Amino acid sequence: MTTRTDTNKTQLRVSVATADYDTASQLFHELGMDMTTAINLFLKQSIAVNGLPFDHT
């Protein structure tokens, strides 16, 4: 579900396993970012490569 919050931002709501969220949150914290920043990086990189930003060879 997405909700428009203003003309420049959209709020995204997702469900993930609690253990995955906790582990990822800790990882991102160690990298100096929060979950929102990490998700935004994923989205921007996906757009930049026009696909999933993973080495899948």
PDB file of N, CA and C in Angstrom:
ATOM      1  N   MET A   1       0.838  -1.177   0.000  1.00  0.00           N
ATOM      2  CA  MET A   1       0.000   0.000   0.000  1.00  0.00           C
ATOM      3  C   MET A   1       0.882   1.239   0.000  1.00  0.00           C
ATOM      4  N   THR A   2       0.556   2.207  -0.812  1.00  0.00           N
ATOM      5  CA  THR A   2       1.272   3.471  -0.826  1.00  0.00           C
ATOM      6  C   THR A   2       0.309   4.595  -0.496  1.00  0.00           C
ATOM      7  N   THR A   3       0.805   5.621   0.120  1.00  0.00           N
ATOM      8  CA  THR A   3       0.016   6.790   0.471  1.00  0.00           C
ATOM      9  C   THR A   3       0.795   8.028   0.076  1.00  0.00           C
ATOM     10  N   ARG A   4       0.199   8.890  -0.695  1.00  0.00           N
ATOM     11  CA  ARG A   4       0.847  10.155  -1.053  1.00  0.00           C
ATOM     12  C   ARG A   4       0.830  11.063   0.158  1.00  0.00           C
ATOM     13  N   THR A   5       2.019  11.541   0.557  1.00  0.00           N
ATOM     14  CA  THR A   5       2.092  12.436   1.705  1.00  0.00           C
ATOM     15  C   THR A   5       2.246  13.888   1.278  1.00  0.00           C
ATOM     16  N   ASP A   6       2.801  14.135   0.117  1.00  0.00           N
ATOM     17  CA  ASP A   6       2.887  15.461  -0.491  1.00  0.00           C
ATOM     18  C   ASP A   6       3.295  15.263  -1.938  1.00  0.00           C
ATOM     19  N   THR A   7       3.639  16.326  -2.619  1.00  0.00           N
ATOM     20  CA  THR A   7       3.963  16.189  -4.040  1.00  0.00           C
ATOM     21  C   THR A   7       5.318  15.556  -4.284  1.00  0.00           C
ATOM     22  N   ASN A   8       6.192  15.488  -3.262  1.00  0.00           N
ATOM     23  CA  ASN A   8       7.539  14.968  -3.458  1.00  0.00           C
ATOM     24  C   ASN A   8       7.800  13.616  -2.815  1.00  0.00           C
ATOM     25  N   LYS A   9       6.918  13.131  -1.992  1.00  0.00           N
ATOM     26  CA  LYS A   9       7.157  11.895  -1.250  1.00  0.00           C
ATOM     27  C   LYS A   9       5.914  11.015  -1.275  1.00  0.00           C
ATOM     28  N   THR A  10       6.159   9.718  -1.239  1.00  0.00           N
ATOM     29  CA  THR A  10       5.098   8.731  -1.096  1.00  0.00           C
ATOM     30  C   THR A  10       5.490   7.814   0.036  1.00  0.00           C
ATOM     31  N   GLN A  11       4.555   7.531   0.899  1.00  0.00           N
ATOM     32  CA  GLN A  11       4.831   6.637   2.011  1.00  0.00           C
ATOM     33  C   GLN A  11       4.572   5.204   1.555  1.00  0.00           C
ATOM     34  N   LEU A  12       5.532   4.329   1.823  1.00  0.00           N
ATOM     35  CA  LEU A  12       5.460   2.930   1.416  1.00  0.00           C
ATOM     36  C   LEU A  12       5.328   2.070   2.663  1.00  0.00           C
ATOM     37  N   ARG A  13       4.397   1.153   2.625  1.00  0.00           N
ATOM     38  CA  ARG A  13       4.192   0.275   3.777  1.00  0.00           C
ATOM     39  C   ARG A  13       4.337  -1.166   3.312  1.00  0.00           C
ATOM     40  N   VAL A  14       5.264  -1.903   3.935  1.00  0.00           N
ATOM     41  CA  VAL A  14       5.506  -3.296   3.563  1.00  0.00           C
ATOM     42  C   VAL A  14       5.518  -4.165   4.814  1.00  0.00           C
ATOM     43  N   SER A  15       5.292  -5.441   4.627  1.00  0.00           N
ATOM     44  CA  SER A  15       5.381  -6.406   5.717  1.00  0.00           C
ATOM     45  C   SER A  15       6.583  -7.303   5.469  1.00  0.00           C
ATOM     46  N   VAL A  16       7.410  -7.469   6.491  1.00  0.00           N
ATOM     47  CA  VAL A  16       8.571  -8.349   6.411  1.00  0.00           C
ATOM     48  C   VAL A  16       8.643  -9.155   7.699  1.00  0.00           C
ATOM     49  N   ALA A  17       9.359 -10.257   7.643  1.00  0.00           N
ATOM     50  CA  ALA A  17       9.555 -11.070   8.845  1.00  0.00           C
ATOM     51  C   ALA A  17      10.304 -10.238   9.884  1.00  0.00           C
ATOM     52  N   THR A  18       9.875 -10.326  11.121  1.00  0.00           N
ATOM     53  CA  THR A  18      10.486  -9.547  12.196  1.00  0.00           C
ATOM     54  C   THR A  18      11.985  -9.805  12.302  1.00  0.00           C
ATOM     55  N   ALA A  19      12.382 -11.060  12.210  1.00  0.00           N
ATOM     56  CA  ALA A  19      13.802 -11.394  12.323  1.00  0.00           C
ATOM     57  C   ALA A  19      14.600 -10.746  11.194  1.00  0.00           C
ATOM     58  N   ASP A  20      14.060 -10.748   9.972  1.00  0.00           N
ATOM     59  CA  ASP A  20      14.745 -10.114   8.847  1.00  0.00           C
ATOM     60  C   ASP A  20      14.845  -8.610   9.058  1.00  0.00           C
ATOM     61  N   TYR A  21      13.773  -7.998   9.523  1.00  0.00           N
ATOM     62  CA  TYR A  21      13.788  -6.558   9.788  1.00  0.00           C
ATOM     63  C   TYR A  21      14.840  -6.210  10.832  1.00  0.00           C
ATOM     64  N   ASP A  22      14.860  -6.963  11.921  1.00  0.00           N
ATOM     65  CA  ASP A  22      15.814  -6.693  12.997  1.00  0.00           C
ATOM     66  C   ASP A  22      17.262  -6.853  12.523  1.00  0.00           C
ATOM     67  N   THR A  23      17.521  -7.926  11.777  1.00  0.00           N
ATOM     68  CA  THR A  23      18.873  -8.171  11.277  1.00  0.00           C
ATOM     69  C   THR A  23      19.297  -7.086  10.293  1.00  0.00           C
ATOM     70  N   ALA A  24      18.411  -6.733   9.374  1.00  0.00           N
ATOM     71  CA  ALA A  24      18.724  -5.693   8.396  1.00  0.00           C
ATOM     72  C   ALA A  24      18.901  -4.343   9.079  1.00  0.00           C
ATOM     73  N   SER A  25      18.070  -4.035  10.044  1.00  0.00           N
ATOM     74  CA  SER A  25      18.189  -2.767  10.766  1.00  0.00           C
ATOM     75  C   SER A  25      19.543  -2.653  11.441  1.00  0.00           C
ATOM     76  N   GLN A  26      19.991  -3.727  12.053  1.00  0.00           N
ATOM     77  CA  GLN A  26      21.300  -3.725  12.706  1.00  0.00           C
ATOM     78  C   GLN A  26      22.412  -3.543  11.682  1.00  0.00           C
ATOM     79  N   LEU A  27      22.326  -4.257  10.573  1.00  0.00           N
ATOM     80  CA  LEU A  27      23.315  -4.129   9.504  1.00  0.00           C
ATOM     81  C   LEU A  27      23.383  -2.697   8.996  1.00  0.00           C
ATOM     82  N   PHE A  28      22.234  -2.117   8.677  1.00  0.00           N
ATOM     83  CA  PHE A  28      22.211  -0.758   8.153  1.00  0.00           C
ATOM     84  C   PHE A  28      22.719   0.238   9.187  1.00  0.00           C
ATOM     85  N   HIS A  29      22.387   0.025  10.445  1.00  0.00           N
ATOM     86  CA  HIS A  29      22.894   0.882  11.515  1.00  0.00           C
ATOM     87  C   HIS A  29      24.423   0.861  11.537  1.00  0.00           C
ATOM     88  N   GLU A  30      24.991  -0.334  11.411  1.00  0.00           N
ATOM     89  CA  GLU A  30      26.451  -0.471  11.380  1.00  0.00           C
ATOM     90  C   GLU A  30      27.060   0.225  10.164  1.00  0.00           C
ATOM     91  N   LEU A  31      26.281   0.346   9.099  1.00  0.00           N
ATOM     92  CA  LEU A  31      26.735   1.030   7.891  1.00  0.00           C
ATOM     93  C   LEU A  31      26.450   2.532   7.948  1.00  0.00           C
ATOM     94  N   GLY A  32      25.836   2.976   9.041  1.00  0.00           N
ATOM     95  CA  GLY A  32      25.583   4.395   9.232  1.00  0.00           C
ATOM     96  C   GLY A  32      24.321   4.926   8.583  1.00  0.00           C
ATOM     97  N   MET A  33      23.351   4.047   8.387  1.00  0.00           N
ATOM     98  CA  MET A  33      22.097   4.499   7.778  1.00  0.00           C
ATOM     99  C   MET A  33      20.908   3.828   8.435  1.00  0.00           C
ATOM    100  N   ASP A  34      19.736   4.367   8.181  1.00  0.00           N
ATOM    101  CA  ASP A  34      18.518   3.753   8.692  1.00  0.00           C
ATOM    102  C   ASP A  34      17.829   2.962   7.576  1.00  0.00           C
ATOM    103  N   MET A  35      16.739   2.318   7.918  1.00  0.00           N
ATOM    104  CA  MET A  35      16.016   1.475   6.957  1.00  0.00           C
ATOM    105  C   MET A  35      15.498   2.299   5.778  1.00  0.00           C
ATOM    106  N   THR A  36      14.994   3.485   6.037  1.00  0.00           N
ATOM    107  CA  THR A  36      14.475   4.330   4.968  1.00  0.00           C
ATOM    108  C   THR A  36      15.565   4.663   3.964  1.00  0.00           C
ATOM    109  N   THR A  37      16.730   5.034   4.443  1.00  0.00           N
ATOM    110  CA  THR A  37      17.849   5.351   3.549  1.00  0.00           C
ATOM    111  C   THR A  37      18.242   4.134   2.733  1.00  0.00           C
ATOM    112  N   ALA A  38      18.317   2.974   3.371  1.00  0.00           N
ATOM    113  CA  ALA A  38      18.691   1.743   2.666  1.00  0.00           C
ATOM    114  C   ALA A  38      17.682   1.399   1.574  1.00  0.00           C
ATOM    115  N   ILE A  39      16.408   1.531   1.871  1.00  0.00           N
ATOM    116  CA  ILE A  39      15.376   1.225   0.875  1.00  0.00           C
ATOM    117  C   ILE A  39      15.447   2.218  -0.278  1.00  0.00           C
ATOM    118  N   ASN A  40      15.659   3.486   0.035  1.00  0.00           N
ATOM    119  CA  ASN A  40      15.793   4.490  -1.029  1.00  0.00           C
ATOM    120  C   ASN A  40      17.004   4.212  -1.910  1.00  0.00           C
ATOM    121  N   LEU A  41      18.111   3.781  -1.313  1.00  0.00           N
ATOM    122  CA  LEU A  41      19.284   3.403  -2.110  1.00  0.00           C
ATOM    123  C   LEU A  41      18.963   2.235  -3.039  1.00  0.00           C
ATOM    124  N   PHE A  42      18.266   1.245  -2.520  1.00  0.00           N
ATOM    125  CA  PHE A  42      17.870   0.097  -3.344  1.00  0.00           C
ATOM    126  C   PHE A  42      17.010   0.543  -4.524  1.00  0.00           C
ATOM    127  N   LEU A  43      16.027   1.395  -4.270  1.00  0.00           N
ATOM    128  CA  LEU A  43      15.139   1.851  -5.336  1.00  0.00           C
ATOM    129  C   LEU A  43      15.904   2.660  -6.384  1.00  0.00           C
ATOM    130  N   LYS A  44      16.746   3.583  -5.942  1.00  0.00           N
ATOM    131  CA  LYS A  44      17.507   4.403  -6.888  1.00  0.00           C
ATOM    132  C   LYS A  44      18.470   3.561  -7.725  1.00  0.00           C
ATOM    133  N   GLN A  45      19.119   2.582  -7.105  1.00  0.00           N
ATOM    134  CA  GLN A  45      20.041   1.721  -7.847  1.00  0.00           C
ATOM    135  C   GLN A  45      19.275   0.833  -8.826  1.00  0.00           C
ATOM    136  N   SER A  46      18.108   0.354  -8.439  1.00  0.00           N
ATOM    137  CA  SER A  46      17.273  -0.438  -9.355  1.00  0.00           C
ATOM    138  C   SER A  46      16.912   0.372 -10.587  1.00  0.00           C
ATOM    139  N   ILE A  47      16.573   1.638 -10.368  1.00  0.00           N
ATOM    140  CA  ILE A  47      16.249   2.523 -11.489  1.00  0.00           C
ATOM    141  C   ILE A  47      17.484   2.746 -12.354  1.00  0.00           C
ATOM    142  N   ALA A  48      18.622   2.976 -11.716  1.00  0.00           N
ATOM    143  CA  ALA A  48      19.865   3.252 -12.457  1.00  0.00           C
ATOM    144  C   ALA A  48      20.272   2.097 -13.365  1.00  0.00           C
ATOM    145  N   VAL A  49      20.081   0.856 -12.902  1.00  0.00           N
ATOM    146  CA  VAL A  49      20.494  -0.300 -13.703  1.00  0.00           C
ATOM    147  C   VAL A  49      19.332  -0.914 -14.480  1.00  0.00           C
ATOM    148  N   ASN A  50      18.149  -0.323 -14.306  1.00  0.00           N
ATOM    149  CA  ASN A  50      16.940  -0.806 -14.977  1.00  0.00           C
ATOM    150  C   ASN A  50      16.678  -2.285 -14.676  1.00  0.00           C
ATOM    151  N   GLY A  51      16.825  -2.635 -13.412  1.00  0.00           N
ATOM    152  CA  GLY A  51      16.597  -4.011 -12.968  1.00  0.00           C
ATOM    153  C   GLY A  51      17.000  -4.151 -11.520  1.00  0.00           C
ATOM    154  N   LEU A  52      17.163  -5.386 -11.085  1.00  0.00           N
ATOM    155  CA  LEU A  52      17.602  -5.608  -9.720  1.00  0.00           C
ATOM    156  C   LEU A  52      19.091  -5.338  -9.600  1.00  0.00           C
ATOM    157  N   PRO A  53      19.500  -4.614  -8.575  1.00  0.00           N
ATOM    158  CA  PRO A  53      20.908  -4.219  -8.460  1.00  0.00           C
ATOM    159  C   PRO A  53      21.778  -5.275  -7.777  1.00  0.00           C
ATOM    160  N   PHE A  54      21.662  -6.500  -8.274  1.00  0.00           N
ATOM    161  CA  PHE A  54      22.440  -7.607  -7.699  1.00  0.00           C
ATOM    162  C   PHE A  54      23.218  -8.282  -8.816  1.00  0.00           C
ATOM    163  N   ASP A  55      24.375  -8.806  -8.466  1.00  0.00           N
ATOM    164  CA  ASP A  55      25.124  -9.606  -9.403  1.00  0.00           C
ATOM    165  C   ASP A  55      24.442 -10.975  -9.467  1.00  0.00           C
ATOM    166  N   HIS A  56      23.792 -11.255 -10.559  1.00  0.00           N
ATOM    167  CA  HIS A  56      23.019 -12.502 -10.670  1.00  0.00           C
ATOM    168  C   HIS A  56      23.529 -13.376 -11.809  1.00  0.00           C
ATOM    169  N   THR A  57      24.863 -13.358 -12.006  1.00  0.00           N
ATOM    170  CA  THR A  57      25.429 -14.190 -13.062  1.00  0.00           C
ATOM    171  C   THR A  57      25.872 -15.521 -12.493  1.00  0.00           C
TER     172      THR A  57
END
